[in-house]
């Protein structure tokens, strides 16, 4: 269900979608994901990895669209039933480089969000960096580094979070 909602959100044909509707739909998809996938996995003591979670809403719909952050935080708390990640990894890259990488990706589809103006993407990046600076659960990794260096930084932090040796 959550993936079906995301498909509507990312469809490039939906250019008329309002910023507020976009935020609410992302929250609906996230609520379904938490209830259907994440919570059941956590009950089974699984490690859960997500490529996006509540902070993405703050970055994209809050900082990117210039929407108020506090109401979005309340919606995130409701959609996730208060479930927060133990670790958030942000792969930081110059916006132009990141968009160029996305366009060059063979399997990647260009979506409605990626089609937004450069200023929007710059505001999203600034939002991510502001959130990371304010919360120690974040790991910011320079994504311009060689893949092996990125891997090593991430694995070191994940190992520490899981209290394992790699």
N, C-alpha and C. Protein backbone atom coordinates (compact mmCIF):
# COMPACT_ATOMS: atom_id res chain seq x y z
N UNK A 1 0.84 -1.19 0.00
CA UNK A 1 0.00 0.00 0.00
C UNK A 1 0.88 1.25 0.00
N UNK A 2 1.89 1.24 0.87
CA UNK A 2 2.79 2.38 0.94
C UNK A 2 3.51 2.62 -0.37
N UNK A 3 3.91 1.54 -1.05
CA UNK A 3 4.60 1.68 -2.34
C UNK A 3 3.65 2.22 -3.40
N UNK A 4 2.38 1.85 -3.34
CA UNK A 4 1.40 2.38 -4.29
C UNK A 4 1.23 3.89 -4.09
N UNK A 5 1.21 4.33 -2.84
CA UNK A 5 1.11 5.76 -2.55
C UNK A 5 2.36 6.48 -3.06
N UNK A 6 3.53 5.89 -2.82
CA UNK A 6 4.79 6.49 -3.30
C UNK A 6 4.81 6.61 -4.82
N UNK A 7 4.24 5.62 -5.51
CA UNK A 7 4.21 5.66 -6.97
C UNK A 7 3.43 6.89 -7.44
N UNK A 8 2.33 7.20 -6.79
CA UNK A 8 1.56 8.40 -7.13
C UNK A 8 2.39 9.64 -6.84
N UNK A 9 3.05 9.65 -5.71
CA UNK A 9 3.84 10.81 -5.31
C UNK A 9 4.97 11.12 -6.29
N UNK A 10 5.62 10.09 -6.79
CA UNK A 10 6.80 10.29 -7.62
C UNK A 10 6.50 10.39 -9.11
N UNK A 11 5.28 10.09 -9.51
CA UNK A 11 4.91 10.12 -10.92
C UNK A 11 5.09 11.53 -11.48
N UNK A 12 5.91 11.64 -12.51
CA UNK A 12 6.21 12.94 -13.12
C UNK A 12 4.98 13.61 -13.72
N UNK A 13 3.92 12.84 -13.94
CA UNK A 13 2.71 13.42 -14.52
C UNK A 13 1.93 14.27 -13.52
N UNK A 14 2.22 14.13 -12.23
CA UNK A 14 1.45 14.83 -11.20
C UNK A 14 2.09 16.17 -10.82
N UNK A 15 2.33 17.00 -11.79
CA UNK A 15 2.97 18.30 -11.54
C UNK A 15 2.08 19.25 -10.75
N UNK A 16 0.78 19.01 -10.73
CA UNK A 16 -0.15 19.90 -10.04
C UNK A 16 -0.28 19.59 -8.55
N UNK A 17 0.39 18.56 -8.06
CA UNK A 17 0.27 18.18 -6.66
C UNK A 17 0.75 19.32 -5.75
N UNK A 18 -0.06 19.67 -4.77
CA UNK A 18 0.32 20.74 -3.86
C UNK A 18 1.36 20.25 -2.85
N UNK A 19 2.13 21.17 -2.31
CA UNK A 19 3.17 20.83 -1.33
C UNK A 19 2.55 20.14 -0.11
N UNK A 20 1.41 20.62 0.32
CA UNK A 20 0.74 20.07 1.50
C UNK A 20 0.24 18.66 1.23
N UNK A 21 -0.38 18.46 0.08
CA UNK A 21 -0.85 17.11 -0.29
C UNK A 21 0.32 16.15 -0.39
N UNK A 22 1.43 16.62 -0.94
CA UNK A 22 2.63 15.80 -1.06
C UNK A 22 3.09 15.33 0.33
N UNK A 23 3.17 16.25 1.27
CA UNK A 23 3.61 15.90 2.62
C UNK A 23 2.67 14.89 3.26
N UNK A 24 1.37 15.11 3.13
CA UNK A 24 0.40 14.19 3.74
C UNK A 24 0.46 12.80 3.12
N UNK A 25 0.64 12.73 1.81
CA UNK A 25 0.73 11.43 1.16
C UNK A 25 2.00 10.68 1.59
N UNK A 26 3.11 11.39 1.71
CA UNK A 26 4.33 10.74 2.19
C UNK A 26 4.12 10.19 3.61
N UNK A 27 3.39 10.93 4.43
CA UNK A 27 3.12 10.46 5.79
C UNK A 27 2.23 9.22 5.77
N UNK A 28 1.26 9.18 4.88
CA UNK A 28 0.40 8.00 4.76
C UNK A 28 1.22 6.78 4.35
N UNK A 29 2.10 6.95 3.38
CA UNK A 29 2.96 5.84 2.95
C UNK A 29 3.87 5.38 4.08
N UNK A 30 4.40 6.33 4.85
CA UNK A 30 5.30 5.98 5.95
C UNK A 30 4.55 5.26 7.07
N UNK A 31 3.35 5.70 7.38
CA UNK A 31 2.55 5.03 8.42
C UNK A 31 2.30 3.58 8.04
N UNK A 32 1.98 3.34 6.78
CA UNK A 32 1.75 1.97 6.32
C UNK A 32 3.03 1.14 6.42
N UNK A 33 4.15 1.73 6.04
CA UNK A 33 5.43 1.04 6.11
C UNK A 33 5.78 0.66 7.55
N UNK A 34 5.57 1.59 8.47
CA UNK A 34 5.86 1.31 9.88
C UNK A 34 4.99 0.17 10.38
N UNK A 35 3.69 0.24 10.10
CA UNK A 35 2.77 -0.78 10.61
C UNK A 35 2.94 -2.13 9.94
N UNK A 36 3.23 -2.13 8.65
CA UNK A 36 3.25 -3.37 7.89
C UNK A 36 4.63 -4.04 7.86
N UNK A 37 5.69 -3.25 7.92
CA UNK A 37 7.03 -3.81 7.73
C UNK A 37 7.95 -3.57 8.92
N UNK A 38 8.11 -2.31 9.32
CA UNK A 38 9.15 -1.98 10.30
C UNK A 38 8.85 -2.53 11.68
N UNK A 39 7.69 -2.22 12.23
CA UNK A 39 7.37 -2.70 13.59
C UNK A 39 7.41 -4.23 13.68
N UNK A 40 6.78 -4.97 12.74
CA UNK A 40 6.87 -6.43 12.82
C UNK A 40 8.32 -6.93 12.78
N UNK A 41 9.17 -6.29 12.00
CA UNK A 41 10.57 -6.70 11.94
C UNK A 41 11.27 -6.42 13.26
N UNK A 42 11.00 -5.28 13.86
CA UNK A 42 11.62 -4.95 15.14
C UNK A 42 11.17 -5.90 16.25
N UNK A 43 9.91 -6.31 16.20
CA UNK A 43 9.41 -7.29 17.18
C UNK A 43 10.21 -8.59 17.09
N UNK A 44 10.67 -8.91 15.89
CA UNK A 44 11.47 -10.13 15.68
C UNK A 44 12.96 -9.86 15.89
N UNK A 45 13.32 -8.70 16.48
CA UNK A 45 14.71 -8.30 16.73
C UNK A 45 15.55 -8.18 15.47
N UNK A 46 14.93 -7.83 14.35
CA UNK A 46 15.66 -7.63 13.11
C UNK A 46 16.26 -6.23 13.08
N UNK A 47 17.32 -6.09 12.32
CA UNK A 47 17.89 -4.78 12.03
C UNK A 47 17.14 -4.27 10.80
N UNK A 48 16.62 -3.05 10.89
CA UNK A 48 15.83 -2.49 9.80
C UNK A 48 16.60 -1.35 9.16
N UNK A 49 16.74 -1.42 7.85
CA UNK A 49 17.39 -0.36 7.07
C UNK A 49 16.35 0.25 6.14
N UNK A 50 16.28 1.57 6.13
CA UNK A 50 15.37 2.29 5.23
C UNK A 50 16.20 3.27 4.42
N UNK A 51 15.83 3.46 3.16
CA UNK A 51 16.57 4.45 2.38
C UNK A 51 16.04 5.86 2.61
N UNK A 52 14.86 5.98 3.22
CA UNK A 52 14.32 7.29 3.60
C UNK A 52 13.38 7.07 4.77
N UNK A 53 13.26 8.09 5.62
CA UNK A 53 12.35 7.99 6.76
C UNK A 53 11.85 9.40 7.08
N UNK A 54 11.49 9.68 8.30
CA UNK A 54 10.87 10.95 8.65
C UNK A 54 11.71 12.17 8.36
N UNK A 55 13.01 12.07 8.53
CA UNK A 55 13.87 13.22 8.26
C UNK A 55 13.80 13.66 6.80
N UNK A 56 13.51 12.71 5.92
CA UNK A 56 13.37 13.06 4.51
C UNK A 56 12.20 14.02 4.31
N UNK A 57 11.12 13.80 5.06
CA UNK A 57 9.98 14.71 4.98
C UNK A 57 10.39 16.11 5.41
N UNK A 58 11.14 16.19 6.49
CA UNK A 58 11.59 17.50 6.94
C UNK A 58 12.46 18.17 5.89
N UNK A 59 13.37 17.38 5.29
CA UNK A 59 14.26 17.95 4.28
C UNK A 59 13.52 18.38 3.02
N UNK A 60 12.72 17.48 2.47
CA UNK A 60 12.07 17.76 1.19
C UNK A 60 10.84 18.65 1.31
N UNK A 61 9.90 18.25 2.15
CA UNK A 61 8.66 19.02 2.25
C UNK A 61 8.82 20.24 3.16
N UNK A 62 9.70 20.15 4.16
CA UNK A 62 9.94 21.28 5.05
C UNK A 62 10.92 22.27 4.46
N UNK A 63 12.19 21.91 4.49
CA UNK A 63 13.22 22.83 4.00
C UNK A 63 13.09 23.09 2.50
N UNK A 64 12.84 22.05 1.72
CA UNK A 64 12.76 22.21 0.26
C UNK A 64 11.62 23.11 -0.17
N UNK A 65 10.44 22.86 0.39
CA UNK A 65 9.26 23.66 0.01
C UNK A 65 9.07 24.88 0.90
N UNK A 66 9.87 24.99 1.94
CA UNK A 66 9.73 26.13 2.84
C UNK A 66 8.49 26.03 3.72
N UNK A 67 8.03 24.81 3.98
CA UNK A 67 6.87 24.60 4.85
C UNK A 67 7.33 24.64 6.31
N UNK A 68 6.45 24.99 7.23
CA UNK A 68 6.83 25.02 8.65
C UNK A 68 7.27 23.64 9.15
N UNK A 69 8.34 23.60 9.89
CA UNK A 69 8.94 22.35 10.34
C UNK A 69 8.14 21.71 11.49
N UNK A 70 7.68 22.50 12.45
CA UNK A 70 7.01 21.91 13.62
C UNK A 70 5.77 21.10 13.27
N UNK A 71 4.86 21.57 12.42
CA UNK A 71 3.72 20.72 12.05
C UNK A 71 4.16 19.42 11.36
N UNK A 72 5.22 19.51 10.56
CA UNK A 72 5.72 18.30 9.91
C UNK A 72 6.28 17.32 10.94
N UNK A 73 6.97 17.84 11.94
CA UNK A 73 7.48 16.96 13.01
C UNK A 73 6.34 16.23 13.72
N UNK A 74 5.24 16.95 13.97
CA UNK A 74 4.08 16.33 14.62
C UNK A 74 3.47 15.25 13.73
N UNK A 75 3.39 15.52 12.43
CA UNK A 75 2.87 14.52 11.50
C UNK A 75 3.77 13.30 11.42
N UNK A 76 5.06 13.51 11.43
CA UNK A 76 6.01 12.40 11.41
C UNK A 76 5.82 11.55 12.66
N UNK A 77 5.73 12.19 13.82
CA UNK A 77 5.54 11.45 15.07
C UNK A 77 4.26 10.63 15.02
N UNK A 78 3.20 11.19 14.45
CA UNK A 78 1.93 10.45 14.34
C UNK A 78 2.07 9.31 13.33
N UNK A 79 2.63 9.58 12.17
CA UNK A 79 2.76 8.57 11.12
C UNK A 79 3.64 7.41 11.55
N UNK A 80 4.67 7.69 12.32
CA UNK A 80 5.61 6.64 12.73
C UNK A 80 5.29 6.09 14.12
N UNK A 81 4.24 6.62 14.73
CA UNK A 81 3.88 6.24 16.10
C UNK A 81 5.08 6.46 17.03
N UNK A 82 5.84 7.51 16.74
CA UNK A 82 6.97 7.89 17.58
C UNK A 82 8.25 7.10 17.35
N UNK A 83 8.26 6.23 16.38
CA UNK A 83 9.44 5.40 16.12
C UNK A 83 10.53 6.21 15.42
N UNK A 84 11.69 6.31 16.06
CA UNK A 84 12.81 7.05 15.51
C UNK A 84 13.97 6.11 15.19
N UNK A 85 14.77 6.45 14.20
CA UNK A 85 15.95 5.61 13.91
C UNK A 85 17.03 5.80 14.96
N UNK A 86 17.84 4.77 15.13
CA UNK A 86 19.00 4.86 16.01
C UNK A 86 20.15 5.56 15.31
N UNK A 87 20.18 5.46 13.99
CA UNK A 87 21.27 6.02 13.19
C UNK A 87 20.68 6.51 11.87
N UNK A 88 21.09 7.69 11.47
CA UNK A 88 20.72 8.22 10.16
C UNK A 88 22.00 8.56 9.42
N UNK A 89 22.15 7.99 8.23
CA UNK A 89 23.33 8.22 7.41
C UNK A 89 22.93 9.13 6.25
N UNK A 90 23.65 10.22 6.10
CA UNK A 90 23.40 11.15 5.00
C UNK A 90 24.62 11.16 4.10
N UNK A 91 24.43 10.76 2.86
CA UNK A 91 25.50 10.80 1.87
C UNK A 91 25.45 12.18 1.22
N UNK A 92 26.37 13.02 1.59
CA UNK A 92 26.36 14.42 1.15
C UNK A 92 27.16 14.59 -0.13
N UNK A 93 26.55 15.31 -1.06
CA UNK A 93 27.19 15.56 -2.34
C UNK A 93 26.66 16.87 -2.89
N UNK A 94 27.52 17.60 -3.58
CA UNK A 94 27.07 18.80 -4.28
C UNK A 94 25.82 18.46 -5.08
N UNK A 95 24.83 19.33 -5.03
CA UNK A 95 23.54 19.06 -5.66
C UNK A 95 23.68 18.78 -7.16
N UNK A 96 24.45 19.58 -7.85
CA UNK A 96 24.62 19.36 -9.30
C UNK A 96 25.23 17.98 -9.57
N UNK A 97 26.22 17.61 -8.77
CA UNK A 97 26.84 16.29 -8.93
C UNK A 97 25.83 15.18 -8.65
N UNK A 98 25.06 15.34 -7.61
CA UNK A 98 24.08 14.33 -7.24
C UNK A 98 23.03 14.14 -8.32
N UNK A 99 22.51 15.24 -8.85
CA UNK A 99 21.51 15.14 -9.92
C UNK A 99 22.12 14.53 -11.19
N UNK A 100 23.37 14.86 -11.47
CA UNK A 100 24.04 14.28 -12.64
C UNK A 100 24.22 12.77 -12.45
N UNK A 101 24.57 12.35 -11.25
CA UNK A 101 24.70 10.91 -10.97
C UNK A 101 23.36 10.21 -11.16
N UNK A 102 22.31 10.84 -10.68
CA UNK A 102 20.98 10.25 -10.81
C UNK A 102 20.61 10.10 -12.28
N UNK A 103 20.84 11.13 -13.07
CA UNK A 103 20.51 11.07 -14.49
C UNK A 103 21.32 10.00 -15.22
N UNK A 104 22.56 9.81 -14.80
CA UNK A 104 23.44 8.84 -15.46
C UNK A 104 23.14 7.40 -15.07
N UNK A 105 22.42 7.21 -13.97
CA UNK A 105 22.12 5.85 -13.50
C UNK A 105 21.28 5.09 -14.51
N UNK A 106 21.77 3.95 -14.92
CA UNK A 106 21.09 3.17 -15.95
C UNK A 106 19.70 2.71 -15.52
N UNK A 107 19.55 2.30 -14.27
CA UNK A 107 18.27 1.77 -13.80
C UNK A 107 17.38 2.85 -13.18
N UNK A 108 17.92 4.02 -13.05
CA UNK A 108 17.19 5.07 -12.32
C UNK A 108 16.16 5.76 -13.21
N UNK A 109 15.00 5.97 -12.62
CA UNK A 109 13.96 6.75 -13.30
C UNK A 109 13.95 8.14 -12.70
N UNK A 110 13.84 9.12 -13.57
CA UNK A 110 13.76 10.51 -13.14
C UNK A 110 12.33 10.75 -12.66
N UNK A 111 12.16 11.25 -11.43
CA UNK A 111 10.80 11.40 -10.91
C UNK A 111 10.42 12.87 -10.72
N UNK A 112 9.19 13.07 -10.27
CA UNK A 112 8.62 14.41 -10.11
C UNK A 112 9.43 15.26 -9.15
N UNK A 113 9.94 14.67 -8.09
CA UNK A 113 10.71 15.43 -7.09
C UNK A 113 12.07 15.84 -7.68
N UNK A 114 12.71 14.92 -8.36
CA UNK A 114 14.02 15.23 -8.93
C UNK A 114 13.95 16.29 -10.02
N UNK A 115 12.78 16.46 -10.59
CA UNK A 115 12.58 17.42 -11.67
C UNK A 115 12.43 18.86 -11.17
N UNK A 116 12.43 19.04 -9.86
CA UNK A 116 12.25 20.39 -9.31
C UNK A 116 13.51 21.24 -9.55
N UNK A 117 13.37 22.54 -9.36
CA UNK A 117 14.44 23.51 -9.61
C UNK A 117 15.66 23.25 -8.71
N UNK A 118 16.80 23.70 -9.19
CA UNK A 118 18.05 23.54 -8.45
C UNK A 118 17.96 24.16 -7.06
N UNK A 119 17.31 25.31 -6.94
CA UNK A 119 17.18 25.98 -5.64
C UNK A 119 16.45 25.10 -4.63
N UNK A 120 15.46 24.36 -5.07
CA UNK A 120 14.75 23.42 -4.22
C UNK A 120 15.73 22.37 -3.67
N UNK A 121 16.51 21.78 -4.54
CA UNK A 121 17.46 20.74 -4.13
C UNK A 121 18.54 21.30 -3.21
N UNK A 122 18.95 22.54 -3.45
CA UNK A 122 19.92 23.18 -2.56
C UNK A 122 19.32 23.36 -1.16
N UNK A 123 18.05 23.74 -1.10
CA UNK A 123 17.38 23.91 0.19
C UNK A 123 17.23 22.57 0.91
N UNK A 124 16.97 21.52 0.16
CA UNK A 124 16.87 20.17 0.75
C UNK A 124 18.22 19.78 1.36
N UNK A 125 19.28 19.97 0.60
CA UNK A 125 20.61 19.63 1.11
C UNK A 125 20.94 20.44 2.37
N UNK A 126 20.66 21.73 2.34
CA UNK A 126 20.91 22.58 3.51
C UNK A 126 20.10 22.09 4.71
N UNK A 127 18.89 21.64 4.46
CA UNK A 127 18.06 21.10 5.53
C UNK A 127 18.65 19.85 6.14
N UNK A 128 19.09 18.94 5.29
CA UNK A 128 19.73 17.72 5.79
C UNK A 128 20.95 18.07 6.65
N UNK A 129 21.77 18.98 6.16
CA UNK A 129 22.98 19.33 6.91
C UNK A 129 22.65 20.01 8.23
N UNK A 130 21.61 20.83 8.25
CA UNK A 130 21.19 21.48 9.50
C UNK A 130 20.69 20.45 10.50
N UNK A 131 19.89 19.49 10.04
CA UNK A 131 19.41 18.44 10.94
C UNK A 131 20.56 17.60 11.47
N UNK A 132 21.50 17.27 10.61
CA UNK A 132 22.64 16.46 11.02
C UNK A 132 23.49 17.18 12.06
N UNK A 133 23.66 18.48 11.89
CA UNK A 133 24.47 19.25 12.83
C UNK A 133 23.82 19.33 14.20
N UNK A 134 22.50 19.16 14.26
CA UNK A 134 21.77 19.31 15.51
C UNK A 134 21.51 18.00 16.25
N UNK A 135 21.91 16.86 15.68
CA UNK A 135 21.54 15.58 16.28
C UNK A 135 22.67 14.56 16.13
N UNK A 136 23.18 14.03 17.24
CA UNK A 136 24.33 13.11 17.16
C UNK A 136 24.03 11.75 16.54
N UNK A 137 22.76 11.42 16.30
CA UNK A 137 22.48 10.12 15.68
C UNK A 137 22.84 10.11 14.20
N UNK A 138 23.19 11.26 13.65
CA UNK A 138 23.51 11.38 12.23
C UNK A 138 24.98 11.10 11.95
N UNK A 139 25.22 10.48 10.81
CA UNK A 139 26.56 10.36 10.24
C UNK A 139 26.49 11.00 8.86
N UNK A 140 27.27 12.04 8.66
CA UNK A 140 27.34 12.69 7.35
C UNK A 140 28.62 12.19 6.68
N UNK A 141 28.44 11.64 5.49
CA UNK A 141 29.55 11.07 4.73
C UNK A 141 29.70 11.85 3.43
N UNK A 142 30.92 12.25 3.13
CA UNK A 142 31.21 12.94 1.88
C UNK A 142 31.10 11.92 0.74
N UNK A 143 30.05 12.03 -0.05
CA UNK A 143 29.78 11.06 -1.10
C UNK A 143 30.63 11.28 -2.35
N UNK A 144 31.53 12.26 -2.32
CA UNK A 144 32.46 12.46 -3.43
C UNK A 144 33.70 11.59 -3.26
N UNK A 145 33.82 10.94 -2.12
CA UNK A 145 34.95 10.05 -1.86
C UNK A 145 34.83 8.77 -2.69
N UNK A 146 35.91 8.03 -2.79
CA UNK A 146 35.82 6.72 -3.45
C UNK A 146 34.85 5.80 -2.69
N UNK A 147 34.17 4.92 -3.40
CA UNK A 147 33.19 4.03 -2.76
C UNK A 147 33.75 3.25 -1.55
N UNK A 148 34.99 2.81 -1.62
CA UNK A 148 35.56 2.05 -0.51
C UNK A 148 35.66 2.91 0.76
N UNK A 149 36.01 4.16 0.61
CA UNK A 149 36.09 5.06 1.77
C UNK A 149 34.70 5.29 2.37
N UNK A 150 33.72 5.47 1.51
CA UNK A 150 32.34 5.65 1.99
C UNK A 150 31.90 4.39 2.74
N UNK A 151 32.14 3.25 2.15
CA UNK A 151 31.79 1.97 2.77
C UNK A 151 32.42 1.82 4.15
N UNK A 152 33.69 2.12 4.24
CA UNK A 152 34.40 1.96 5.52
C UNK A 152 33.84 2.87 6.60
N UNK A 153 33.53 4.12 6.26
CA UNK A 153 32.94 5.04 7.24
C UNK A 153 31.59 4.53 7.73
N UNK A 154 30.78 4.10 6.79
CA UNK A 154 29.45 3.62 7.16
C UNK A 154 29.54 2.36 8.00
N UNK A 155 30.36 1.41 7.58
CA UNK A 155 30.48 0.15 8.32
C UNK A 155 31.01 0.37 9.73
N UNK A 156 31.94 1.29 9.91
CA UNK A 156 32.47 1.57 11.24
C UNK A 156 31.36 2.09 12.16
N UNK A 157 30.55 2.99 11.66
CA UNK A 157 29.47 3.56 12.49
C UNK A 157 28.36 2.53 12.75
N UNK A 158 28.02 1.74 11.73
CA UNK A 158 26.99 0.71 11.91
C UNK A 158 27.48 -0.33 12.90
N UNK A 159 28.72 -0.74 12.78
CA UNK A 159 29.28 -1.73 13.72
C UNK A 159 29.23 -1.19 15.14
N UNK A 160 29.57 0.06 15.32
CA UNK A 160 29.52 0.66 16.65
C UNK A 160 28.09 0.69 17.17
N UNK A 161 27.14 1.03 16.31
CA UNK A 161 25.74 1.08 16.73
C UNK A 161 25.20 -0.29 17.10
N UNK A 162 25.65 -1.31 16.38
CA UNK A 162 25.21 -2.68 16.64
C UNK A 162 26.08 -3.40 17.66
N UNK A 163 27.15 -2.71 18.06
CA UNK A 163 28.12 -3.28 19.01
C UNK A 163 28.69 -4.61 18.51
N UNK A 164 29.13 -4.57 17.24
CA UNK A 164 29.75 -5.75 16.63
C UNK A 164 31.11 -5.34 16.07
N UNK A 165 31.89 -6.34 15.71
CA UNK A 165 33.19 -6.10 15.09
C UNK A 165 33.10 -6.49 13.62
N UNK A 166 33.62 -5.61 12.76
CA UNK A 166 33.62 -5.93 11.33
C UNK A 166 35.03 -6.09 10.82
